[in-house]
């Protein structure tokens, strides 16, 4: 492998030997030092190698991978951008991906043993699909605050999910895109799958859910860290939206923050109640969930007034 440096952006790319298109690229962003990403890569690398896929790691820490990465994970392309947010890192890696399908997961996730194969099968079965999402399960089950953190983002995408065309599919933990819709150049703030998926749906693109694609989400922020993370997530979402928002829409969003906690609480708990499988942890963590969505709403409120600030850099 050879190393190329982009002096203007402060990025370093460890280039693989792939000159031609591949069936699959897998993108992961990390802002933490090695070995945070190790369980993710260990679950992914061998199966990626088996299907002829590349793995691109956008590293905002600078030491997110071990020095011997080329020997340890030969299919990994290491892209460093010290200080980059996970949103910018994911988009940067996606712009360099060469796969016909570009899949995304997170550094704190582990994928099922057939994840890569099932992604390719799903896209082959649905050539019309712009994006395909799967199931996300909670791997951090010991504390109620971790349940609250998980359910707010991924509650609707826990098993069972309805396979087929859907208006909304799973987010950055377990999603894959046809190359034709993948960004080809960097935007101002990077890639936020929540808003990107919504944009694809509004443009009439097909989103598919497939229950054979399974990922475990293993994240714990701690008690106060969870509240902080969801504040920063809310402010980041507002910052992304401001890029496309009129002044009147901005005022409406600011006013809507008053009722946003109620809306978020319902969209979090409603799908879980209907599925019933995770009813107990959902109900026991409900007071914490209510506090966390309130922090999110405060973050959005601040973001619509002041912009994203450095909130995107605070998320992992």
C-alpha atoms as a PDB file:
ATOM      1  CA  UNK A   1       0.000   0.000   0.000  1.00  0.00           C
ATOM      2  CA  UNK A   2       1.083   3.599  -0.590  1.00  0.00           C
ATOM      3  CA  UNK A   3       0.187   6.730   1.313  1.00  0.00           C
ATOM      4  CA  UNK A   4      -1.167   9.877  -0.321  1.00  0.00           C
ATOM      5  CA  UNK A   5      -1.474  13.173   1.545  1.00  0.00           C
ATOM      6  CA  UNK A   6      -3.966  15.940   0.767  1.00  0.00           C
ATOM      7  CA  UNK A   7      -2.110  18.999   2.114  1.00  0.00           C
ATOM      8  CA  UNK A   8      -5.030  21.390   1.773  1.00  0.00           C
ATOM      9  CA  UNK A   9      -7.493  19.352   3.819  1.00  0.00           C
ATOM     10  CA  UNK A  10      -5.080  17.758   6.263  1.00  0.00           C
ATOM     11  CA  UNK A  11      -6.138  14.251   5.232  1.00  0.00           C
ATOM     12  CA  UNK A  12      -4.027  11.163   4.809  1.00  0.00           C
ATOM     13  CA  UNK A  13      -5.229   8.254   2.722  1.00  0.00           C
ATOM     14  CA  UNK A  14      -3.766   4.779   2.762  1.00  0.00           C
ATOM     15  CA  UNK A  15      -4.587   3.537  -0.733  1.00  0.00           C
ATOM     16  CA  UNK A  16      -5.367  -0.067  -1.519  1.00  0.00           C
ATOM     17  CA  UNK A  17      -4.528  -1.841  -4.739  1.00  0.00           C
ATOM     18  CA  UNK A  18      -8.037  -1.721  -6.202  1.00  0.00           C
ATOM     19  CA  UNK A  19      -8.175   0.094  -9.510  1.00  0.00           C
ATOM     20  CA  UNK A  20     -11.397  -1.430 -10.797  1.00  0.00           C
ATOM     21  CA  UNK A  21     -14.931  -1.306  -9.457  1.00  0.00           C
ATOM     22  CA  UNK A  22     -15.772  -3.738  -6.665  1.00  0.00           C
ATOM     23  CA  UNK A  23     -19.124  -5.291  -5.728  1.00  0.00           C
ATOM     24  CA  UNK A  24     -19.170  -3.689  -2.280  1.00  0.00           C
ATOM     25  CA  UNK A  25     -17.533  -0.976  -0.217  1.00  0.00           C
ATOM     26  CA  UNK A  26     -18.093  -0.734   3.544  1.00  0.00           C
ATOM     27  CA  UNK A  27     -17.664   2.665   5.194  1.00  0.00           C
ATOM     28  CA  UNK A  28     -16.976   3.217   8.900  1.00  0.00           C
ATOM     29  CA  UNK A  29     -16.132   6.453  10.700  1.00  0.00           C
ATOM     30  CA  UNK A  30     -14.270   6.541  13.999  1.00  0.00           C
ATOM     31  CA  UNK A  31     -13.126   9.382  16.242  1.00  0.00           C
ATOM     32  CA  UNK A  32     -11.595   7.163  18.929  1.00  0.00           C
ATOM     33  CA  UNK A  33      -8.212   5.521  19.303  1.00  0.00           C
ATOM     34  CA  UNK A  34      -7.546   1.866  18.586  1.00  0.00           C
ATOM     35  CA  UNK A  35      -8.832  -0.625  19.707  1.00  0.00           C
ATOM     36  CA  UNK A  36     -12.328   0.961  19.869  1.00  0.00           C
ATOM     37  CA  UNK A  37     -13.100  -0.191  16.331  1.00  0.00           C
ATOM     38  CA  UNK A  38     -11.573  -3.679  16.726  1.00  0.00           C
ATOM     39  CA  UNK A  39     -14.786  -5.668  17.461  1.00  0.00           C
ATOM     40  CA  UNK A  40     -16.410  -4.054  14.434  1.00  0.00           C
ATOM     41  CA  UNK A  41     -13.528  -4.878  12.086  1.00  0.00           C
ATOM     42  CA  UNK A  42     -13.155  -8.389  13.494  1.00  0.00           C
ATOM     43  CA  UNK A  43     -16.824  -9.099  12.746  1.00  0.00           C
ATOM     44  CA  UNK A  44     -16.574  -7.607   9.271  1.00  0.00           C
ATOM     45  CA  UNK A  45     -13.177  -8.023   7.675  1.00  0.00           C
ATOM     46  CA  UNK A  46     -13.055 -11.721   6.776  1.00  0.00           C
ATOM     47  CA  UNK A  47     -16.515 -11.740   5.234  1.00  0.00           C
ATOM     48  CA  UNK A  48     -15.707  -8.563   3.290  1.00  0.00           C
ATOM     49  CA  UNK A  49     -12.594 -10.268   1.955  1.00  0.00           C
ATOM     50  CA  UNK A  50     -14.656 -13.325   0.981  1.00  0.00           C
ATOM     51  CA  UNK A  51     -17.007 -11.295  -1.244  1.00  0.00           C
ATOM     52  CA  UNK A  52     -14.267  -9.112  -2.731  1.00  0.00           C
ATOM     53  CA  UNK A  53     -15.249  -5.961  -0.837  1.00  0.00           C
ATOM     54  CA  UNK A  54     -13.167  -3.067   0.425  1.00  0.00           C
ATOM     55  CA  UNK A  55     -13.475  -1.504   3.883  1.00  0.00           C
ATOM     56  CA  UNK A  56     -12.898   2.223   4.228  1.00  0.00           C
ATOM     57  CA  UNK A  57     -12.241   3.656   7.688  1.00  0.00           C
ATOM     58  CA  UNK A  58     -12.495   7.418   8.082  1.00  0.00           C
ATOM     59  CA  UNK A  59     -10.372   8.184  11.145  1.00  0.00           C
ATOM     60  CA  UNK A  60     -10.854  11.522  12.892  1.00  0.00           C
ATOM     61  CA  UNK A  61      -8.541  10.603  15.757  1.00  0.00           C
ATOM     62  CA  UNK A  62      -5.418   9.762  13.795  1.00  0.00           C
ATOM     63  CA  UNK A  63      -4.740   6.540  15.681  1.00  0.00           C
ATOM     64  CA  UNK A  64      -8.050   4.795  15.118  1.00  0.00           C
ATOM     65  CA  UNK A  65      -6.296   1.806  13.513  1.00  0.00           C
ATOM     66  CA  UNK A  66      -3.145  -0.090  14.523  1.00  0.00           C
ATOM     67  CA  UNK A  67       0.160   0.677  12.769  1.00  0.00           C
ATOM     68  CA  UNK A  68       0.182  -2.816  11.224  1.00  0.00           C
ATOM     69  CA  UNK A  69      -3.272  -2.399   9.693  1.00  0.00           C
ATOM     70  CA  UNK A  70      -2.053  -3.464   6.236  1.00  0.00           C
ATOM     71  CA  UNK A  71      -1.027  -6.868   7.557  1.00  0.00           C
ATOM     72  CA  UNK A  72      -3.848  -7.251  10.049  1.00  0.00           C
ATOM     73  CA  UNK A  73      -6.718  -6.037   7.835  1.00  0.00           C
ATOM     74  CA  UNK A  74      -5.492  -6.094   4.227  1.00  0.00           C
ATOM     75  CA  UNK A  75      -8.829  -4.960   2.763  1.00  0.00           C
ATOM     76  CA  UNK A  76      -8.942  -1.787   4.870  1.00  0.00           C
ATOM     77  CA  UNK A  77      -8.326   1.606   3.292  1.00  0.00           C
ATOM     78  CA  UNK A  78      -7.330   4.021   6.078  1.00  0.00           C
ATOM     79  CA  UNK A  79      -8.317   7.667   5.628  1.00  0.00           C
ATOM     80  CA  UNK A  80      -7.240  10.050   8.372  1.00  0.00           C
ATOM     81  CA  UNK A  81      -8.652  13.518   8.938  1.00  0.00           C
ATOM     82  CA  UNK A  82      -7.745  14.624  12.484  1.00  0.00           C
ATOM     83  CA  UNK A  83     -10.621  16.511  14.047  1.00  0.00           C
ATOM     84  CA  UNK A  84     -13.133  15.499  11.386  1.00  0.00           C
ATOM     85  CA  UNK A  85     -16.680  14.788  12.551  1.00  0.00           C
ATOM     86  CA  UNK A  86     -18.238  11.366  11.988  1.00  0.00           C
ATOM     87  CA  UNK A  87     -20.514  13.013   9.400  1.00  0.00           C
ATOM     88  CA  UNK A  88     -17.607  14.420   7.409  1.00  0.00           C
ATOM     89  CA  UNK A  89     -15.565  11.236   7.806  1.00  0.00           C
ATOM     90  CA  UNK A  90     -18.363   9.052   6.458  1.00  0.00           C
ATOM     91  CA  UNK A  91     -18.927  11.308   3.482  1.00  0.00           C
ATOM     92  CA  UNK A  92     -15.199  11.530   2.767  1.00  0.00           C
ATOM     93  CA  UNK A  93     -14.921   7.732   2.763  1.00  0.00           C
ATOM     94  CA  UNK A  94     -18.022   7.412   0.601  1.00  0.00           C
ATOM     95  CA  UNK A  95     -16.589   9.755  -2.022  1.00  0.00           C
ATOM     96  CA  UNK A  96     -13.540   7.460  -2.270  1.00  0.00           C
ATOM     97  CA  UNK A  97     -15.480   4.175  -2.316  1.00  0.00           C
ATOM     98  CA  UNK A  98     -15.347   2.187  -5.560  1.00  0.00           C
ATOM     99  CA  UNK A  99     -18.025  -0.429  -4.849  1.00  0.00           C
ATOM    100  CA  UNK A 100     -21.226  -0.770  -6.842  1.00  0.00           C
ATOM    101  CA  UNK A 101     -22.921  -0.857  -3.429  1.00  0.00           C
ATOM    102  CA  UNK A 102     -21.699   1.310  -0.541  1.00  0.00           C
ATOM    103  CA  UNK A 103     -22.640   0.058   2.922  1.00  0.00           C
ATOM    104  CA  UNK A 104     -22.302   1.976   6.175  1.00  0.00           C
ATOM    105  CA  UNK A 105     -21.980   0.849   9.776  1.00  0.00           C
ATOM    106  CA  UNK A 106     -20.512   2.374  12.954  1.00  0.00           C
ATOM    107  CA  UNK A 107     -17.303   1.704  14.842  1.00  0.00           C
ATOM    108  CA  UNK A 108     -19.244   0.516  17.913  1.00  0.00           C
ATOM    109  CA  UNK A 109     -21.328  -1.995  15.944  1.00  0.00           C
ATOM    110  CA  UNK A 110     -20.755  -5.639  15.110  1.00  0.00           C
ATOM    111  CA  UNK A 111     -22.330  -7.157  12.010  1.00  0.00           C
ATOM    112  CA  UNK A 112     -23.862 -10.597  11.576  1.00  0.00           C
ATOM    113  CA  UNK A 113     -21.664 -13.305   9.943  1.00  0.00           C
ATOM    114  CA  UNK A 114     -23.445 -13.101   6.564  1.00  0.00           C
ATOM    115  CA  UNK A 115     -23.983  -9.333   6.512  1.00  0.00           C
ATOM    116  CA  UNK A 116     -21.893  -8.602   3.403  1.00  0.00           C
ATOM    117  CA  UNK A 117     -23.362 -11.484   1.444  1.00  0.00           C
ATOM    118  CA  UNK A 118     -26.911 -10.552   2.391  1.00  0.00           C
ATOM    119  CA  UNK A 119     -26.360  -6.926   1.370  1.00  0.00           C
ATOM    120  CA  UNK A 120     -25.275  -8.000  -2.093  1.00  0.00           C
ATOM    121  CA  UNK A 121     -28.197 -10.418  -2.396  1.00  0.00           C
ATOM    122  CA  UNK A 122     -30.646  -7.745  -1.317  1.00  0.00           C
ATOM    123  CA  UNK A 123     -29.372  -5.214  -3.850  1.00  0.00           C
ATOM    124  CA  UNK A 124     -29.367  -7.836  -6.575  1.00  0.00           C
ATOM    125  CA  UNK A 125     -33.003  -8.648  -5.738  1.00  0.00           C
ATOM    126  CA  UNK A 126     -33.939  -4.959  -5.720  1.00  0.00           C
ATOM    127  CA  UNK A 127     -32.146  -3.185  -8.577  1.00  0.00           C
ATOM    128  CA  UNK A 128     -34.630  -0.334  -8.211  1.00  0.00           C
ATOM    129  CA  UNK A 129     -33.633   0.366  -4.595  1.00  0.00           C
ATOM    130  CA  UNK A 130     -31.565   3.465  -3.869  1.00  0.00           C
ATOM    131  CA  UNK A 131     -30.942   2.283  -0.319  1.00  0.00           C
ATOM    132  CA  UNK A 132     -31.526  -0.848   1.756  1.00  0.00           C
ATOM    133  CA  UNK A 133     -31.623  -0.956   5.543  1.00  0.00           C
ATOM    134  CA  UNK A 134     -31.897  -3.793   8.014  1.00  0.00           C
ATOM    135  CA  UNK A 135     -32.352  -4.662  11.672  1.00  0.00           C
ATOM    136  CA  UNK A 136     -30.441  -2.958  14.479  1.00  0.00           C
ATOM    137  CA  UNK A 137     -30.391  -4.648  17.883  1.00  0.00           C
ATOM    138  CA  UNK A 138     -29.158  -3.274  21.188  1.00  0.00           C
ATOM    139  CA  UNK A 139     -25.868  -4.734  22.381  1.00  0.00           C
ATOM    140  CA  UNK A 140     -25.667  -2.474  25.464  1.00  0.00           C
ATOM    141  CA  UNK A 141     -28.427  -3.861  27.678  1.00  0.00           C
ATOM    142  CA  UNK A 142     -27.093  -3.553  31.227  1.00  0.00           C
ATOM    143  CA  UNK A 143     -28.226   0.000  32.038  1.00  0.00           C
ATOM    144  CA  UNK A 144     -31.491   1.832  31.485  1.00  0.00           C
ATOM    145  CA  UNK A 145     -29.707   4.936  30.208  1.00  0.00           C
ATOM    146  CA  UNK A 146     -28.188   2.826  27.423  1.00  0.00           C
ATOM    147  CA  UNK A 147     -31.639   1.538  26.512  1.00  0.00           C
ATOM    148  CA  UNK A 148     -32.903   5.122  26.320  1.00  0.00           C
ATOM    149  CA  UNK A 149     -29.951   6.095  24.121  1.00  0.00           C
ATOM    150  CA  UNK A 150     -30.555   3.145  21.800  1.00  0.00           C
ATOM    151  CA  UNK A 151     -34.340   3.274  21.486  1.00  0.00           C
ATOM    152  CA  UNK A 152     -34.466   6.972  20.621  1.00  0.00           C
ATOM    153  CA  UNK A 153     -32.468   6.346  17.456  1.00  0.00           C
ATOM    154  CA  UNK A 154     -33.063   2.704  16.573  1.00  0.00           C
ATOM    155  CA  UNK A 155     -36.326   1.650  18.261  1.00  0.00           C
ATOM    156  CA  UNK A 156     -38.274   1.519  14.971  1.00  0.00           C
ATOM    157  CA  UNK A 157     -35.587  -0.679  13.403  1.00  0.00           C
ATOM    158  CA  UNK A 158     -35.400  -3.429  16.011  1.00  0.00           C
ATOM    159  CA  UNK A 159     -36.759  -6.831  15.008  1.00  0.00           C
ATOM    160  CA  UNK A 160     -39.260  -7.563  13.692  1.00  0.00           C
ATOM    161  CA  UNK A 161     -39.250  -5.149  10.774  1.00  0.00           C
ATOM    162  CA  UNK A 162     -41.474  -5.346   7.722  1.00  0.00           C
ATOM    163  CA  UNK A 163     -39.424  -6.373   4.692  1.00  0.00           C
ATOM    164  CA  UNK A 164     -40.068  -4.481   1.485  1.00  0.00           C
ATOM    165  CA  UNK A 165     -40.528  -0.897   0.394  1.00  0.00           C
ATOM    166  CA  UNK A 166     -40.727   1.521   3.338  1.00  0.00           C
ATOM    167  CA  UNK A 167     -40.777   5.303   3.811  1.00  0.00           C
ATOM    168  CA  UNK A 168     -38.017   5.046   6.434  1.00  0.00           C
ATOM    169  CA  UNK A 169     -35.230   2.513   6.935  1.00  0.00           C
ATOM    170  CA  UNK A 170     -32.390   2.023   9.411  1.00  0.00           C
ATOM    171  CA  UNK A 171     -29.706   4.655   9.668  1.00  0.00           C
ATOM    172  CA  UNK A 172     -25.905   4.723   9.816  1.00  0.00           C
ATOM    173  CA  UNK A 173     -25.539   1.514  11.835  1.00  0.00           C
ATOM    174  CA  UNK A 174     -26.937  -0.684   9.061  1.00  0.00           C
ATOM    175  CA  UNK A 175     -27.600   0.802   5.643  1.00  0.00           C
ATOM    176  CA  UNK A 176     -26.304   0.466   2.104  1.00  0.00           C
ATOM    177  CA  UNK A 177     -26.684   2.600  -1.013  1.00  0.00           C
ATOM    178  CA  UNK A 178     -26.479   2.091  -4.742  1.00  0.00           C
ATOM    179  CA  UNK A 179     -23.431   3.855  -6.070  1.00  0.00           C
ATOM    180  CA  UNK A 180     -25.568   6.145  -8.256  1.00  0.00           C
ATOM    181  CA  UNK A 181     -26.929   7.985  -5.184  1.00  0.00           C
ATOM    182  CA  UNK A 182     -23.672   8.120  -3.195  1.00  0.00           C
ATOM    183  CA  UNK A 183     -22.165  11.641  -2.882  1.00  0.00           C
ATOM    184  CA  UNK A 184     -19.267  12.176  -5.258  1.00  0.00           C
ATOM    185  CA  UNK A 185     -17.824  15.222  -3.500  1.00  0.00           C
ATOM    186  CA  UNK A 186     -17.709  16.629   0.003  1.00  0.00           C
ATOM    187  CA  UNK A 187     -20.470  18.889   1.291  1.00  0.00           C
ATOM    188  CA  UNK A 188     -20.114  21.523   4.008  1.00  0.00           C
ATOM    189  CA  UNK A 189     -21.012  19.378   7.036  1.00  0.00           C
ATOM    190  CA  UNK A 190     -20.822  15.835   5.668  1.00  0.00           C
ATOM    191  CA  UNK A 191     -23.335  12.972   5.544  1.00  0.00           C
ATOM    192  CA  UNK A 192     -26.258  12.637   7.952  1.00  0.00           C
ATOM    193  CA  UNK A 193     -28.109   9.486   6.886  1.00  0.00           C
ATOM    194  CA  UNK A 194     -31.297  10.490   8.710  1.00  0.00           C
ATOM    195  CA  UNK A 195     -31.742  13.519   6.453  1.00  0.00           C
ATOM    196  CA  UNK A 196     -30.192  11.920   3.351  1.00  0.00           C
ATOM    197  CA  UNK A 197     -32.632   8.998   3.469  1.00  0.00           C
ATOM    198  CA  UNK A 198     -35.536  11.389   3.872  1.00  0.00           C
ATOM    199  CA  UNK A 199     -34.321  13.368   0.877  1.00  0.00           C
ATOM    200  CA  UNK A 200     -34.125  10.205  -1.236  1.00  0.00           C
ATOM    201  CA  UNK A 201     -37.692   9.284  -0.261  1.00  0.00           C
ATOM    202  CA  UNK A 202     -38.974  12.780  -1.109  1.00  0.00           C
ATOM    203  CA  UNK A 203     -37.293  12.507  -4.509  1.00  0.00           C
ATOM    204  CA  UNK A 204     -39.282   9.341  -5.235  1.00  0.00           C
ATOM    205  CA  UNK A 205     -36.406   6.918  -4.730  1.00  0.00           C
ATOM    206  CA  UNK A 206     -37.116   3.419  -3.425  1.00  0.00           C
ATOM    207  CA  UNK A 207     -36.066   2.535   0.121  1.00  0.00           C
ATOM    208  CA  UNK A 208     -36.118  -1.160   1.041  1.00  0.00           C
ATOM    209  CA  UNK A 209     -36.045  -2.816   4.466  1.00  0.00           C
ATOM    210  CA  UNK A 210     -34.630  -6.350   4.727  1.00  0.00           C
ATOM    211  CA  UNK A 211     -34.775  -8.321   7.972  1.00  0.00           C
ATOM    212  CA  UNK A 212     -31.837 -10.549   6.954  1.00  0.00           C
ATOM    213  CA  UNK A 213     -29.414  -7.665   7.488  1.00  0.00           C
ATOM    214  CA  UNK A 214     -28.628  -7.609  11.209  1.00  0.00           C
ATOM    215  CA  UNK A 215     -26.257  -5.426  13.223  1.00  0.00           C
ATOM    216  CA  UNK A 216     -25.676  -5.158  16.971  1.00  0.00           C
ATOM    217  CA  UNK A 217     -25.298  -1.604  18.295  1.00  0.00           C
ATOM    218  CA  UNK A 218     -22.925  -1.620  21.266  1.00  0.00           C
ATOM    219  CA  UNK A 219     -22.724   1.934  22.573  1.00  0.00           C
ATOM    220  CA  UNK A 220     -22.641   3.429  26.054  1.00  0.00           C
ATOM    221  CA  UNK A 221     -22.091   7.120  26.717  1.00  0.00           C
ATOM    222  CA  UNK A 222     -22.542   6.953  30.487  1.00  0.00           C
ATOM    223  CA  UNK A 223     -25.293   8.810  32.331  1.00  0.00           C
ATOM    224  CA  UNK A 224     -24.403  12.460  31.737  1.00  0.00           C
ATOM    225  CA  UNK A 225     -22.645  11.661  28.497  1.00  0.00           C
ATOM    226  CA  UNK A 226     -25.921  10.405  27.021  1.00  0.00           C
ATOM    227  CA  UNK A 227     -27.681  13.705  27.699  1.00  0.00           C
ATOM    228  CA  UNK A 228     -24.751  15.618  26.236  1.00  0.00           C
ATOM    229  CA  UNK A 229     -24.621  13.431  23.131  1.00  0.00           C
ATOM    230  CA  UNK A 230     -28.306  13.898  22.362  1.00  0.00           C
ATOM    231  CA  UNK A 231     -28.044  17.657  22.864  1.00  0.00           C
ATOM    232  CA  UNK A 232     -25.207  17.720  20.338  1.00  0.00           C
ATOM    233  CA  UNK A 233     -27.135  15.418  18.007  1.00  0.00           C
ATOM    234  CA  UNK A 234     -30.123  17.757  18.083  1.00  0.00           C
ATOM    235  CA  UNK A 235     -27.946  20.799  17.430  1.00  0.00           C
ATOM    236  CA  UNK A 236     -26.185  18.951  14.586  1.00  0.00           C
ATOM    237  CA  UNK A 237     -29.514  18.044  12.955  1.00  0.00           C
ATOM    238  CA  UNK A 238     -30.576  21.694  13.125  1.00  0.00           C
ATOM    239  CA  UNK A 239     -27.268  22.736  11.570  1.00  0.00           C
ATOM    240  CA  UNK A 240     -27.698  20.313   8.677  1.00  0.00           C
ATOM    241  CA  UNK A 241     -31.266  21.491   8.098  1.00  0.00           C
ATOM    242  CA  UNK A 242     -30.252  25.156   8.073  1.00  0.00           C
ATOM    243  CA  UNK A 243     -28.332  24.527   4.848  1.00  0.00           C
ATOM    244  CA  UNK A 244     -31.649  24.096   2.996  1.00  0.00           C
ATOM    245  CA  UNK A 245     -34.017  26.130   5.147  1.00  0.00           C
ATOM    246  CA  UNK A 246     -35.791  29.435   4.497  1.00  0.00           C
ATOM    247  CA  UNK A 247     -36.167  32.071   7.194  1.00  0.00           C
ATOM    248  CA  UNK A 248     -39.839  31.227   7.708  1.00  0.00           C
ATOM    249  CA  UNK A 249     -39.088  27.520   8.019  1.00  0.00           C
ATOM    250  CA  UNK A 250     -36.431  28.345  10.565  1.00  0.00           C
ATOM    251  CA  UNK A 251     -38.907  30.282  12.693  1.00  0.00           C
ATOM    252  CA  UNK A 252     -41.409  27.413  12.486  1.00  0.00           C
ATOM    253  CA  UNK A 253     -38.758  24.917  13.579  1.00  0.00           C
ATOM    254  CA  UNK A 254     -37.804  27.125  16.526  1.00  0.00           C
ATOM    255  CA  UNK A 255     -41.440  27.270  17.621  1.00  0.00           C
ATOM    256  CA  UNK A 256     -41.887  23.555  17.051  1.00  0.00           C
ATOM    257  CA  UNK A 257     -39.174  22.757  19.580  1.00  0.00           C
ATOM    258  CA  UNK A 258     -41.785  23.368  22.304  1.00  0.00           C
ATOM    259  CA  UNK A 259     -43.685  20.211  21.339  1.00  0.00           C
ATOM    260  CA  UNK A 260     -40.717  18.317  19.917  1.00  0.00           C
ATOM    261  CA  UNK A 261     -40.075  16.247  23.096  1.00  0.00           C
ATOM    262  CA  UNK A 262     -43.619  14.852  22.987  1.00  0.00           C
ATOM    263  CA  UNK A 263     -43.311  14.014  19.304  1.00  0.00           C
ATOM    264  CA  UNK A 264     -39.922  12.342  19.766  1.00  0.00           C
ATOM    265  CA  UNK A 265     -41.136  10.366  22.751  1.00  0.00           C
ATOM    266  CA  UNK A 266     -44.071   9.008  20.766  1.00  0.00           C
ATOM    267  CA  UNK A 267     -41.991   8.123  17.697  1.00  0.00           C
ATOM    268  CA  UNK A 268     -39.552   6.346  20.019  1.00  0.00           C
ATOM    269  CA  UNK A 269     -42.001   4.383  22.156  1.00  0.00           C
ATOM    270  CA  UNK A 270     -44.846   3.866  19.675  1.00  0.00           C
ATOM    271  CA  UNK A 271     -43.087   1.347  17.396  1.00  0.00           C
ATOM    272  CA  UNK A 272     -41.665  -0.537  20.395  1.00  0.00           C
ATOM    273  CA  UNK A 273     -45.110  -0.830  21.999  1.00  0.00           C
ATOM    274  CA  UNK A 274     -46.554  -2.183  18.759  1.00  0.00           C
ATOM    275  CA  UNK A 275     -43.800  -4.785  18.473  1.00  0.00           C
ATOM    276  CA  UNK A 276     -44.009  -5.663  22.206  1.00  0.00           C
ATOM    277  CA  UNK A 277     -40.739  -7.623  22.191  1.00  0.00           C
ATOM    278  CA  UNK A 278     -38.812  -4.856  23.971  1.00  0.00           C
ATOM    279  CA  UNK A 279     -41.741  -3.485  25.938  1.00  0.00           C
ATOM    280  CA  UNK A 280     -40.199  -4.053  29.367  1.00  0.00           C
ATOM    281  CA  UNK A 281     -36.913  -2.158  28.842  1.00  0.00           C
ATOM    282  CA  UNK A 282     -38.783   0.530  26.933  1.00  0.00           C
ATOM    283  CA  UNK A 283     -41.212   1.166  29.797  1.00  0.00           C
ATOM    284  CA  UNK A 284     -38.642   0.942  32.585  1.00  0.00           C
ATOM    285  CA  UNK A 285     -36.361   3.392  30.779  1.00  0.00           C
ATOM    286  CA  UNK A 286     -39.238   5.725  29.852  1.00  0.00           C
ATOM    287  CA  UNK A 287     -38.450   8.500  32.405  1.00  0.00           C
ATOM    288  CA  UNK A 288     -34.865   8.629  31.183  1.00  0.00           C
ATOM    289  CA  UNK A 289     -36.006   8.546  27.571  1.00  0.00           C
ATOM    290  CA  UNK A 290     -38.249  11.558  28.244  1.00  0.00           C
ATOM    291  CA  UNK A 291     -35.300  13.496  29.677  1.00  0.00           C
ATOM    292  CA  UNK A 292     -33.018  12.529  26.803  1.00  0.00           C
ATOM    293  CA  UNK A 293     -35.488  13.624  24.089  1.00  0.00           C
ATOM    294  CA  UNK A 294     -35.880  16.913  25.965  1.00  0.00           C
ATOM    295  CA  UNK A 295     -32.112  17.406  25.738  1.00  0.00           C
ATOM    296  CA  UNK A 296     -32.351  16.657  22.029  1.00  0.00           C
ATOM    297  CA  UNK A 297     -35.090  19.271  21.611  1.00  0.00           C
ATOM    298  CA  UNK A 298     -33.008  21.864  23.473  1.00  0.00           C
ATOM    299  CA  UNK A 299     -30.122  21.055  21.146  1.00  0.00           C
ATOM    300  CA  UNK A 300     -32.295  21.618  18.078  1.00  0.00           C
ATOM    301  CA  UNK A 301     -33.565  24.904  19.537  1.00  0.00           C
ATOM    302  CA  UNK A 302     -30.012  26.153  20.079  1.00  0.00           C
ATOM    303  CA  UNK A 303     -28.981  24.906  16.635  1.00  0.00           C
ATOM    304  CA  UNK A 304     -31.750  26.762  14.797  1.00  0.00           C
ATOM    305  CA  UNK A 305     -30.726  29.980  16.543  1.00  0.00           C
ATOM    306  CA  UNK A 306     -26.924  29.715  16.643  1.00  0.00           C
ATOM    307  CA  UNK A 307     -26.103  27.021  14.077  1.00  0.00           C
ATOM    308  CA  UNK A 308     -24.329  23.697  14.660  1.00  0.00           C
ATOM    309  CA  UNK A 309     -21.260  25.120  16.429  1.00  0.00           C
ATOM    310  CA  UNK A 310     -18.854  22.293  17.198  1.00  0.00           C
ATOM    311  CA  UNK A 311     -21.635  19.813  17.993  1.00  0.00           C
ATOM    312  CA  UNK A 312     -20.889  17.544  14.984  1.00  0.00           C
ATOM    313  CA  UNK A 313     -17.366  17.032  16.359  1.00  0.00           C
ATOM    314  CA  UNK A 314     -18.762  15.956  19.744  1.00  0.00           C
ATOM    315  CA  UNK A 315     -20.504  12.861  18.375  1.00  0.00           C
ATOM    316  CA  UNK A 316     -19.002   9.418  17.827  1.00  0.00           C
END
